[in-house]
Amino acid sequence: AEKISTDFVPSIPVARIDVEAGEDPGSAEERDAVLELAGARYPARIKVRGSSSAYYPKKQFSLKLGDENSERAVGLLGMAEASSWVLASPYADKTLIKNVLGLAQARGLFPYAPRTRWVELILNGDYHGVYTLTEKIERGKNKVDVPSVEEGGFIFNVDAGDPPYVESEQGTRYTIV
């Protein structure tokens, strides 16, 4: 019989986030923090994100690199440079792969879909498990290629509980399909 080694070393990068004064991230406002990832340290701001997922025991987070006066665009773990990131908690997905697999499929079908990397999250010294570091959907180079609002382009966000339409300034309703 072949011997199986038990010297397993995880290959998932560790993201360490320390929030100022050891506070938990809030959902109402961003809190100052420091992100350590892949041997680098970045000033950041963090807050809880999501509607229904904000009630899960394993929270999701919005992460903005830079301090309150400036943003810092960085290509984390080989992804496109950006200052806004999502730490998605696959709490409802025990396989940890549904969003990662779906976005990988979308990248093969569409001009853009967010890239993802798994990370192990340590928040204020406490281990929180495996998260998906995900590019935030936004307009820009190597992101969603749409004109600016001034040029007629737009990206809109639909959250749980939002009505199934958008309304123009003139009151015209457009159904979201």
C-alpha atoms as a PDB file:
ATOM      1  CA  ALA A   1       0.000   0.000   0.000  1.00  0.00           C
ATOM      2  CA  GLU A   2       1.168   3.488  -0.838  1.00  0.00           C
ATOM      3  CA  LYS A   3       1.851   5.803   2.084  1.00  0.00           C
ATOM      4  CA  ILE A   4      -0.221   8.989   2.153  1.00  0.00           C
ATOM      5  CA  SER A   5       1.448  12.087   3.553  1.00  0.00           C
ATOM      6  CA  THR A   6      -0.329  13.994   6.295  1.00  0.00           C
ATOM      7  CA  ASP A   7       1.878  17.083   5.925  1.00  0.00           C
ATOM      8  CA  PHE A   8      -0.878  19.011   4.208  1.00  0.00           C
ATOM      9  CA  VAL A   9      -0.291  22.738   3.879  1.00  0.00           C
ATOM     10  CA  PRO A  10      -3.305  24.714   2.632  1.00  0.00           C
ATOM     11  CA  SER A  11      -2.738  26.665  -0.552  1.00  0.00           C
ATOM     12  CA  ILE A  12      -5.548  29.131   0.084  1.00  0.00           C
ATOM     13  CA  PRO A  13      -4.166  32.608   0.863  1.00  0.00           C
ATOM     14  CA  VAL A  14      -4.904  34.039   4.294  1.00  0.00           C
ATOM     15  CA  ALA A  15      -6.522  37.491   4.475  1.00  0.00           C
ATOM     16  CA  ARG A  16      -6.039  39.120   7.854  1.00  0.00           C
ATOM     17  CA  ILE A  17      -8.158  42.183   8.600  1.00  0.00           C
ATOM     18  CA  ASP A  18      -7.742  44.163  11.788  1.00  0.00           C
ATOM     19  CA  VAL A  19     -10.460  46.744  12.374  1.00  0.00           C
ATOM     20  CA  GLU A  20      -9.505  49.878  14.294  1.00  0.00           C
ATOM     21  CA  ALA A  21      -9.952  49.397  18.076  1.00  0.00           C
ATOM     22  CA  GLY A  22     -10.838  45.731  17.463  1.00  0.00           C
ATOM     23  CA  GLU A  23     -14.438  46.623  16.627  1.00  0.00           C
ATOM     24  CA  ASP A  24     -16.656  44.390  14.523  1.00  0.00           C
ATOM     25  CA  PRO A  25     -17.509  45.781  11.079  1.00  0.00           C
ATOM     26  CA  GLY A  26     -20.891  47.508  11.123  1.00  0.00           C
ATOM     27  CA  SER A  27     -23.553  47.561   8.430  1.00  0.00           C
ATOM     28  CA  ALA A  28     -24.348  51.284   8.660  1.00  0.00           C
ATOM     29  CA  GLU A  29     -20.907  52.799   8.184  1.00  0.00           C
ATOM     30  CA  GLU A  30     -17.438  51.814   7.080  1.00  0.00           C
ATOM     31  CA  ARG A  31     -14.800  51.262   9.745  1.00  0.00           C
ATOM     32  CA  ASP A  32     -11.061  51.855   9.342  1.00  0.00           C
ATOM     33  CA  ALA A  33      -9.020  48.667   9.094  1.00  0.00           C
ATOM     34  CA  VAL A  34      -5.788  47.165   7.814  1.00  0.00           C
ATOM     35  CA  LEU A  35      -5.770  44.296   5.309  1.00  0.00           C
ATOM     36  CA  GLU A  36      -2.798  41.911   5.220  1.00  0.00           C
ATOM     37  CA  LEU A  37      -2.734  39.674   2.165  1.00  0.00           C
ATOM     38  CA  ALA A  38       0.042  37.942   0.230  1.00  0.00           C
ATOM     39  CA  GLY A  39       2.793  39.659   2.242  1.00  0.00           C
ATOM     40  CA  ALA A  40       1.438  43.197   1.798  1.00  0.00           C
ATOM     41  CA  ARG A  41      -0.462  45.565   4.110  1.00  0.00           C
ATOM     42  CA  TYR A  42      -3.141  47.961   2.893  1.00  0.00           C
ATOM     43  CA  PRO A  43      -5.132  50.616   4.768  1.00  0.00           C
ATOM     44  CA  ALA A  44      -8.806  49.848   4.185  1.00  0.00           C
ATOM     45  CA  ARG A  45     -12.392  50.497   5.198  1.00  0.00           C
ATOM     46  CA  ILE A  46     -14.792  47.635   5.873  1.00  0.00           C
ATOM     47  CA  LYS A  47     -18.510  47.177   6.457  1.00  0.00           C
ATOM     48  CA  VAL A  48     -21.084  44.379   6.457  1.00  0.00           C
ATOM     49  CA  ARG A  49     -22.858  44.007   3.106  1.00  0.00           C
ATOM     50  CA  GLY A  50     -26.007  42.317   1.925  1.00  0.00           C
ATOM     51  CA  SER A  51     -29.705  42.399   2.718  1.00  0.00           C
ATOM     52  CA  SER A  52     -30.808  38.975   3.889  1.00  0.00           C
ATOM     53  CA  SER A  53     -27.218  37.700   4.136  1.00  0.00           C
ATOM     54  CA  ALA A  54     -26.488  40.357   6.790  1.00  0.00           C
ATOM     55  CA  TYR A  55     -28.509  38.158   9.155  1.00  0.00           C
ATOM     56  CA  TYR A  56     -26.387  35.042   8.551  1.00  0.00           C
ATOM     57  CA  PRO A  57     -23.924  34.095  11.303  1.00  0.00           C
ATOM     58  CA  LYS A  58     -21.117  34.346   8.713  1.00  0.00           C
ATOM     59  CA  LYS A  59     -21.299  37.936   7.403  1.00  0.00           C
ATOM     60  CA  GLN A  60     -20.268  39.251   3.988  1.00  0.00           C
ATOM     61  CA  PHE A  61     -18.134  42.380   3.780  1.00  0.00           C
ATOM     62  CA  SER A  62     -17.461  45.306   1.444  1.00  0.00           C
ATOM     63  CA  LEU A  63     -13.812  46.286   1.509  1.00  0.00           C
ATOM     64  CA  LYS A  64     -12.392  49.553   0.137  1.00  0.00           C
ATOM     65  CA  LEU A  65      -8.637  49.938  -0.035  1.00  0.00           C
ATOM     66  CA  GLY A  66      -7.250  53.290   1.052  1.00  0.00           C
ATOM     67  CA  ASP A  67      -8.183  55.649   3.844  1.00  0.00           C
ATOM     68  CA  GLU A  68     -11.197  57.955   4.096  1.00  0.00           C
ATOM     69  CA  ASN A  69      -9.447  60.632   2.002  1.00  0.00           C
ATOM     70  CA  SER A  70      -8.157  58.507  -0.871  1.00  0.00           C
ATOM     71  CA  GLU A  71      -8.686  55.181  -2.563  1.00  0.00           C
ATOM     72  CA  ARG A  72      -5.912  52.817  -3.571  1.00  0.00           C
ATOM     73  CA  ALA A  73      -6.348  50.536  -6.590  1.00  0.00           C
ATOM     74  CA  VAL A  74      -4.505  47.238  -6.192  1.00  0.00           C
ATOM     75  CA  GLY A  75      -4.667  43.995  -8.174  1.00  0.00           C
ATOM     76  CA  LEU A  76      -5.207  41.554  -5.311  1.00  0.00           C
ATOM     77  CA  LEU A  77      -4.128  37.948  -5.930  1.00  0.00           C
ATOM     78  CA  GLY A  78      -3.681  38.537  -9.659  1.00  0.00           C
ATOM     79  CA  MET A  79      -7.078  40.117 -10.293  1.00  0.00           C
ATOM     80  CA  ALA A  80      -7.696  43.482 -11.996  1.00  0.00           C
ATOM     81  CA  GLU A  81      -6.636  46.620 -10.123  1.00  0.00           C
ATOM     82  CA  ALA A  82      -9.460  48.033  -8.030  1.00  0.00           C
ATOM     83  CA  SER A  83     -10.062  49.770  -4.744  1.00  0.00           C
ATOM     84  CA  SER A  84     -13.464  48.167  -4.015  1.00  0.00           C
ATOM     85  CA  TRP A  85     -13.735  44.468  -3.195  1.00  0.00           C
ATOM     86  CA  VAL A  86     -16.259  42.001  -1.815  1.00  0.00           C
ATOM     87  CA  LEU A  87     -15.503  39.333   0.767  1.00  0.00           C
ATOM     88  CA  ALA A  88     -18.370  36.974   0.020  1.00  0.00           C
ATOM     89  CA  SER A  89     -19.233  34.418   2.629  1.00  0.00           C
ATOM     90  CA  PRO A  90     -20.572  31.234   1.092  1.00  0.00           C
ATOM     91  CA  TYR A  91     -22.574  30.577   4.275  1.00  0.00           C
ATOM     92  CA  ALA A  92     -25.659  29.246   2.463  1.00  0.00           C
ATOM     93  CA  ASP A  93     -23.463  27.225   0.053  1.00  0.00           C
ATOM     94  CA  LYS A  94     -21.816  24.399   1.983  1.00  0.00           C
ATOM     95  CA  THR A  95     -19.914  23.332  -1.163  1.00  0.00           C
ATOM     96  CA  LEU A  96     -18.173  26.771  -1.284  1.00  0.00           C
ATOM     97  CA  ILE A  97     -18.254  26.648  -5.080  1.00  0.00           C
ATOM     98  CA  LYS A  98     -21.608  27.822  -6.491  1.00  0.00           C
ATOM     99  CA  ASN A  99     -20.737  31.511  -7.031  1.00  0.00           C
ATOM    100  CA  VAL A 100     -17.142  30.722  -8.036  1.00  0.00           C
ATOM    101  CA  LEU A 101     -18.288  28.180 -10.616  1.00  0.00           C
ATOM    102  CA  GLY A 102     -21.123  30.374 -11.902  1.00  0.00           C
ATOM    103  CA  LEU A 103     -18.835  33.381 -12.356  1.00  0.00           C
ATOM    104  CA  ALA A 104     -16.199  31.210 -14.068  1.00  0.00           C
ATOM    105  CA  GLN A 105     -18.860  30.042 -16.536  1.00  0.00           C
ATOM    106  CA  ALA A 106     -20.025  33.639 -17.065  1.00  0.00           C
ATOM    107  CA  ARG A 107     -16.459  34.748 -17.898  1.00  0.00           C
ATOM    108  CA  GLY A 108     -16.514  32.268 -20.782  1.00  0.00           C
ATOM    109  CA  LEU A 109     -19.839  33.594 -22.080  1.00  0.00           C
ATOM    110  CA  PHE A 110     -19.799  37.344 -21.490  1.00  0.00           C
ATOM    111  CA  PRO A 111     -17.301  40.183 -21.963  1.00  0.00           C
ATOM    112  CA  TYR A 112     -16.978  40.574 -18.186  1.00  0.00           C
ATOM    113  CA  ALA A 113     -17.826  38.720 -15.004  1.00  0.00           C
ATOM    114  CA  PRO A 114     -16.109  39.301 -11.659  1.00  0.00           C
ATOM    115  CA  ARG A 115     -13.023  37.242 -10.914  1.00  0.00           C
ATOM    116  CA  THR A 116     -12.785  35.400  -7.617  1.00  0.00           C
ATOM    117  CA  ARG A 117     -10.172  33.924  -5.287  1.00  0.00           C
ATOM    118  CA  TRP A 118     -10.765  31.861  -2.183  1.00  0.00           C
ATOM    119  CA  VAL A 119      -9.168  33.196   0.982  1.00  0.00           C
ATOM    120  CA  GLU A 120      -9.229  32.192   4.609  1.00  0.00           C
ATOM    121  CA  LEU A 121     -10.369  35.184   6.654  1.00  0.00           C
ATOM    122  CA  ILE A 122      -8.961  36.149  10.023  1.00  0.00           C
ATOM    123  CA  LEU A 123     -10.892  39.155  11.337  1.00  0.00           C
ATOM    124  CA  ASN A 124      -9.573  40.892  14.458  1.00  0.00           C
ATOM    125  CA  GLY A 125      -7.559  37.769  15.280  1.00  0.00           C
ATOM    126  CA  ASP A 126     -10.539  35.386  14.992  1.00  0.00           C
ATOM    127  CA  TYR A 127     -10.714  32.742  12.266  1.00  0.00           C
ATOM    128  CA  HIS A 128     -13.883  33.189  10.177  1.00  0.00           C
ATOM    129  CA  GLY A 129     -13.383  30.436   7.593  1.00  0.00           C
ATOM    130  CA  VAL A 130     -13.206  30.349   3.816  1.00  0.00           C
ATOM    131  CA  TYR A 131     -14.471  33.408   1.938  1.00  0.00           C
ATOM    132  CA  THR A 132     -14.491  34.378  -1.716  1.00  0.00           C
ATOM    133  CA  LEU A 133     -12.555  37.558  -2.481  1.00  0.00           C
ATOM    134  CA  THR A 134     -14.513  38.918  -5.437  1.00  0.00           C
ATOM    135  CA  GLU A 135     -14.091  41.895  -7.738  1.00  0.00           C
ATOM    136  CA  LYS A 136     -16.879  44.394  -7.172  1.00  0.00           C
ATOM    137  CA  ILE A 137     -18.999  44.968 -10.263  1.00  0.00           C
ATOM    138  CA  GLU A 138     -18.215  48.470 -11.497  1.00  0.00           C
ATOM    139  CA  ARG A 139     -17.474  50.410 -14.651  1.00  0.00           C
ATOM    140  CA  GLY A 140     -13.843  50.677 -15.687  1.00  0.00           C
ATOM    141  CA  LYS A 141     -10.812  49.242 -17.425  1.00  0.00           C
ATOM    142  CA  ASN A 142     -10.828  45.432 -17.218  1.00  0.00           C
ATOM    143  CA  LYS A 143     -14.328  45.713 -15.687  1.00  0.00           C
ATOM    144  CA  VAL A 144     -17.784  46.453 -17.114  1.00  0.00           C
ATOM    145  CA  ASP A 145     -17.330  48.299 -20.406  1.00  0.00           C
ATOM    146  CA  VAL A 146     -20.160  50.846 -20.398  1.00  0.00           C
ATOM    147  CA  PRO A 147     -20.046  54.591 -21.002  1.00  0.00           C
ATOM    148  CA  SER A 148     -20.220  57.002 -18.076  1.00  0.00           C
ATOM    149  CA  VAL A 149     -23.611  58.260 -16.873  1.00  0.00           C
ATOM    150  CA  GLU A 150     -22.943  61.560 -18.665  1.00  0.00           C
ATOM    151  CA  GLU A 151     -22.560  59.592 -21.915  1.00  0.00           C
ATOM    152  CA  GLY A 152     -25.766  57.598 -21.363  1.00  0.00           C
ATOM    153  CA  GLY A 153     -24.368  54.473 -19.728  1.00  0.00           C
ATOM    154  CA  PHE A 154     -25.482  53.004 -16.444  1.00  0.00           C
ATOM    155  CA  ILE A 155     -25.255  50.016 -14.126  1.00  0.00           C
ATOM    156  CA  PHE A 156     -28.062  49.489 -11.678  1.00  0.00           C
ATOM    157  CA  ASN A 157     -28.268  47.372  -8.571  1.00  0.00           C
ATOM    158  CA  VAL A 158     -31.299  45.298  -7.579  1.00  0.00           C
ATOM    159  CA  ASP A 159     -31.461  44.103  -3.986  1.00  0.00           C
ATOM    160  CA  ALA A 160     -33.891  41.728  -2.323  1.00  0.00           C
ATOM    161  CA  GLY A 161     -37.134  43.581  -1.665  1.00  0.00           C
ATOM    162  CA  ASP A 162     -36.595  46.168  -4.410  1.00  0.00           C
ATOM    163  CA  PRO A 163     -39.490  46.683  -6.840  1.00  0.00           C
ATOM    164  CA  PRO A 164     -39.130  44.845 -10.182  1.00  0.00           C
ATOM    165  CA  TYR A 165     -38.750  48.095 -12.134  1.00  0.00           C
ATOM    166  CA  VAL A 166     -36.728  51.286 -12.366  1.00  0.00           C
ATOM    167  CA  GLU A 167     -38.364  54.671 -12.723  1.00  0.00           C
ATOM    168  CA  SER A 168     -37.085  57.597 -14.778  1.00  0.00           C
ATOM    169  CA  GLU A 169     -37.094  61.173 -13.521  1.00  0.00           C
ATOM    170  CA  GLN A 170     -40.171  61.712 -15.707  1.00  0.00           C
ATOM    171  CA  GLY A 171     -42.013  58.843 -13.941  1.00  0.00           C
ATOM    172  CA  THR A 172     -41.733  56.223 -16.687  1.00  0.00           C
ATOM    173  CA  ARG A 173     -41.354  52.713 -15.247  1.00  0.00           C
ATOM    174  CA  TYR A 174     -39.082  50.183 -16.940  1.00  0.00           C
ATOM    175  CA  THR A 175     -39.562  46.550 -15.930  1.00  0.00           C
ATOM    176  CA  ILE A 176     -36.437  44.629 -14.974  1.00  0.00           C
ATOM    177  CA  VAL A 177     -36.301  41.349 -16.837  1.00  0.00           C
END
